[in-house]
Amino acid sequence: MRILDRKHALAIAFGRIVVGIIFLWAGLEKILGEGLGTWTAAGFLKGSSGTLGWPFVTGDVAEGTVFNPTHDFWVSLAGNSAAMSVIDYLVPLGEVAIGIALVLGLLTRFSAAMGALMMLIFFVAAWNFAFGIVNQQLAYAVLTAGLGVVGAGNYYGLDAVVGRGAGRGVRRWLLSGDVDDTWKTTA
């Protein structure tokens, strides 16, 4: 896909950078706030009972009701110390890496795919439908996947520069696809 209008290229670059900052901020908050190795996803995973809103559930819901059909998996994962020792590092470091890559427009397709996958996992684990089927995690997953599809790193990103020397497979799967000479990172 090639974006030929400068305004559209700027909008894609702006969107890529904003989503990158969101990922970067989330990772840094965990690393700098609580500390790498101190922050844990266990609380999030144990609280994965989920919510449902109208039209699925109306009226009062009994305390302790579990709506998330994957709840037992997440709770057992939170209780597995070996798995949690890996997850507790992968989540914040992954968020930082995805954020930096998107901000720079480097390895955009790969980082967008990993960001969308991370958000889809969060979406299933949270199972939050209190305000409808679309929640924050699903919106980020769709938006991040879209950045990868359009090859957002080719628009004012480093993929446009690095892609010139990369092989076709690397450009297609890791970077932002074919390099469009119309837009330069310095334009």
Protein backbone atom coordinates (compact mmCIF):
# COMPACT_ATOMS: atom_id res chain seq x y z
CA MET A 1 0.00 0.00 0.00
CA ARG A 2 1.32 3.42 -0.91
CA ILE A 3 0.05 6.64 0.57
CA LEU A 4 0.67 9.43 -1.92
CA ASP A 5 -0.92 12.37 -0.15
CA ARG A 6 1.43 14.16 2.28
CA LYS A 7 -1.38 14.86 4.78
CA HIS A 8 -2.27 11.17 4.91
CA ALA A 9 1.39 10.19 5.34
CA LEU A 10 1.70 12.65 8.23
CA ALA A 11 -1.51 11.33 9.80
CA ILE A 12 -0.21 7.75 9.63
CA ALA A 13 3.14 8.80 11.12
CA PHE A 14 1.35 10.75 13.86
CA GLY A 15 -0.88 7.76 14.68
CA ARG A 16 2.12 5.43 14.76
CA ILE A 17 3.99 7.73 17.13
CA VAL A 18 0.99 8.20 19.44
CA VAL A 19 0.36 4.46 19.70
CA GLY A 20 4.09 3.96 20.25
CA ILE A 21 4.06 6.47 23.10
CA ILE A 22 1.09 4.65 24.67
CA PHE A 23 3.00 1.34 24.65
CA LEU A 24 6.23 3.00 25.80
CA TRP A 25 4.46 4.82 28.63
CA ALA A 26 2.74 1.61 29.83
CA GLY A 27 6.06 -0.25 29.93
CA LEU A 28 8.01 2.56 31.58
CA GLU A 29 5.28 2.98 34.18
CA LYS A 30 5.75 -0.64 35.21
CA ILE A 31 9.56 -0.55 35.08
CA LEU A 32 10.15 2.84 36.70
CA GLY A 33 7.06 2.89 38.91
CA GLU A 34 7.21 -0.47 40.62
CA GLY A 35 10.50 -1.72 39.24
CA LEU A 36 11.44 -4.42 36.77
CA GLY A 37 11.21 -7.69 38.63
CA THR A 38 8.92 -6.13 41.22
CA TRP A 39 5.90 -5.41 39.02
CA THR A 40 3.70 -8.45 38.49
CA ALA A 41 0.78 -9.30 36.22
CA ALA A 42 -0.57 -11.76 38.79
CA GLY A 43 -3.21 -9.37 40.14
CA PHE A 44 -4.53 -8.65 36.66
CA LEU A 45 -4.65 -12.35 35.81
CA LYS A 46 -6.28 -13.40 39.08
CA GLY A 47 -8.95 -10.73 38.61
CA SER A 48 -9.88 -12.03 35.17
CA SER A 49 -13.46 -12.85 36.11
CA GLY A 50 -14.64 -10.38 33.47
CA THR A 51 -17.72 -8.24 33.14
CA LEU A 52 -20.74 -8.20 30.92
CA GLY A 53 -23.08 -5.31 30.42
CA TRP A 54 -26.38 -4.73 28.72
CA PRO A 55 -27.88 -6.57 26.86
CA PHE A 56 -26.11 -9.62 28.28
CA VAL A 57 -26.62 -8.87 31.96
CA THR A 58 -29.17 -6.59 33.57
CA GLY A 59 -29.93 -6.06 37.21
CA ASP A 60 -27.74 -6.98 40.14
CA VAL A 61 -24.99 -9.54 39.68
CA ALA A 62 -24.01 -11.85 42.52
CA GLU A 63 -20.60 -11.14 43.96
CA GLY A 64 -17.97 -13.53 42.67
CA THR A 65 -19.79 -14.24 39.40
CA VAL A 66 -17.29 -15.25 36.73
CA PHE A 67 -18.15 -14.24 33.17
CA ASN A 68 -14.78 -14.91 31.55
CA PRO A 69 -14.72 -18.44 30.11
CA THR A 70 -10.89 -18.39 30.20
CA HIS A 71 -10.78 -17.32 33.87
CA ASP A 72 -9.40 -20.62 35.20
CA PHE A 73 -6.51 -20.53 32.71
CA TRP A 74 -5.43 -17.03 33.78
CA VAL A 75 -5.75 -17.82 37.49
CA SER A 76 -3.67 -20.98 37.09
CA LEU A 77 -1.11 -19.01 35.10
CA ALA A 78 -0.94 -16.41 37.89
CA GLY A 79 -0.28 -19.23 40.34
CA ASN A 80 2.59 -20.66 38.29
CA SER A 81 5.70 -18.95 39.67
CA ALA A 82 7.94 -20.09 36.79
CA ALA A 83 5.56 -18.69 34.16
CA MET A 84 5.03 -15.48 36.11
CA SER A 85 8.77 -14.88 36.43
CA VAL A 86 8.90 -14.80 32.62
CA ILE A 87 5.64 -12.89 32.08
CA ASP A 88 6.56 -10.23 34.65
CA TYR A 89 9.62 -9.35 32.55
CA LEU A 90 8.16 -9.90 29.09
CA VAL A 91 5.16 -7.60 29.50
CA PRO A 92 6.96 -4.37 30.51
CA LEU A 93 10.01 -5.00 28.33
CA GLY A 94 7.75 -5.93 25.41
CA GLU A 95 5.70 -2.76 25.86
CA VAL A 96 8.87 -0.64 25.89
CA ALA A 97 10.31 -2.40 22.83
CA ILE A 98 7.04 -2.12 20.88
CA GLY A 99 6.73 1.53 21.90
CA ILE A 100 10.26 2.45 20.84
CA ALA A 101 9.93 0.58 17.55
CA LEU A 102 6.64 2.29 16.70
CA VAL A 103 7.87 5.75 17.68
CA LEU A 104 10.94 5.32 15.49
CA GLY A 105 9.05 3.55 12.71
CA LEU A 106 11.58 0.72 12.84
CA LEU A 107 10.59 -2.95 12.47
CA THR A 108 7.06 -1.59 12.25
CA ARG A 109 5.25 -4.66 10.92
CA PHE A 110 6.83 -6.96 13.48
CA SER A 111 6.29 -4.57 16.40
CA ALA A 112 2.71 -3.85 15.28
CA ALA A 113 1.98 -7.58 15.08
CA MET A 114 3.46 -8.15 18.56
CA GLY A 115 1.54 -5.15 19.94
CA ALA A 116 -1.73 -6.39 18.44
CA LEU A 117 -1.09 -9.89 19.82
CA MET A 118 -0.32 -8.48 23.28
CA MET A 119 -3.49 -6.40 23.25
CA LEU A 120 -5.62 -9.35 22.08
CA ILE A 121 -4.26 -11.44 24.95
CA PHE A 122 -5.08 -8.60 27.38
CA PHE A 123 -8.53 -8.34 25.78
CA VAL A 124 -9.32 -12.01 26.42
CA ALA A 125 -7.82 -11.94 29.91
CA ALA A 126 -9.74 -8.81 30.95
CA TRP A 127 -13.03 -9.90 29.33
CA ASN A 128 -14.49 -6.47 30.01
CA PHE A 129 -17.75 -5.92 28.19
CA ALA A 130 -19.35 -3.58 30.72
CA PHE A 131 -19.63 -0.88 28.06
CA GLY A 132 -20.12 -3.06 24.99
CA ILE A 133 -17.99 -5.46 23.00
CA VAL A 134 -15.27 -2.92 22.13
CA ASN A 135 -12.92 -2.01 24.95
CA GLN A 136 -9.54 -0.29 25.17
CA GLN A 137 -7.49 -3.43 24.51
CA LEU A 138 -9.47 -4.38 21.40
CA ALA A 139 -9.26 -0.83 20.06
CA TYR A 140 -5.47 -0.79 20.52
CA ALA A 141 -5.17 -4.23 18.90
CA VAL A 142 -7.10 -3.15 15.81
CA LEU A 143 -5.29 0.19 15.55
CA THR A 144 -1.86 -1.37 16.02
CA ALA A 145 -2.56 -4.10 13.47
CA GLY A 146 -3.70 -1.42 11.02
CA LEU A 147 -0.38 0.39 11.41
CA GLY A 148 1.41 -2.78 10.41
CA VAL A 149 -0.87 -3.37 7.43
CA VAL A 150 -0.37 0.11 5.97
CA GLY A 151 3.39 -0.07 6.52
CA ALA A 152 3.39 2.95 8.81
CA GLY A 153 7.18 2.92 9.20
CA ASN A 154 7.58 3.99 5.57
CA TYR A 155 6.05 7.35 6.43
CA TYR A 156 8.56 9.48 8.32
CA GLY A 157 9.98 6.36 9.98
CA LEU A 158 13.28 4.52 9.93
CA ASP A 159 11.82 1.60 7.95
CA ALA A 160 11.96 3.84 4.88
CA VAL A 161 15.73 4.25 5.34
CA VAL A 162 16.61 0.75 6.57
CA GLY A 163 14.31 -0.87 4.02
CA ARG A 164 16.42 0.28 1.09
CA GLY A 165 19.23 -2.08 2.12
CA ALA A 166 17.07 -4.93 3.40
CA GLY A 167 15.98 -8.01 1.52
CA ARG A 168 12.42 -8.38 0.26
CA GLY A 169 11.37 -10.86 2.98
CA VAL A 170 12.75 -8.68 5.76
CA ARG A 171 10.98 -5.62 4.32
CA ARG A 172 7.72 -7.51 3.91
CA TRP A 173 7.51 -9.23 7.30
CA LEU A 174 9.59 -7.13 9.70
CA LEU A 175 9.79 -3.63 8.27
CA SER A 176 7.00 -1.78 6.47
CA GLY A 177 6.90 -3.50 3.11
CA ASP A 178 8.21 -2.01 -0.11
CA VAL A 179 9.92 1.33 0.29
CA ASP A 180 8.02 4.21 -1.27
CA ASP A 181 10.56 6.73 -2.56
CA THR A 182 7.91 9.45 -2.56
CA TRP A 183 8.29 10.06 1.18
CA LYS A 184 11.59 10.46 2.97
CA THR A 185 12.07 10.56 6.72
CA THR A 186 13.42 14.09 6.34
CA ALA A 187 10.55 15.45 4.19
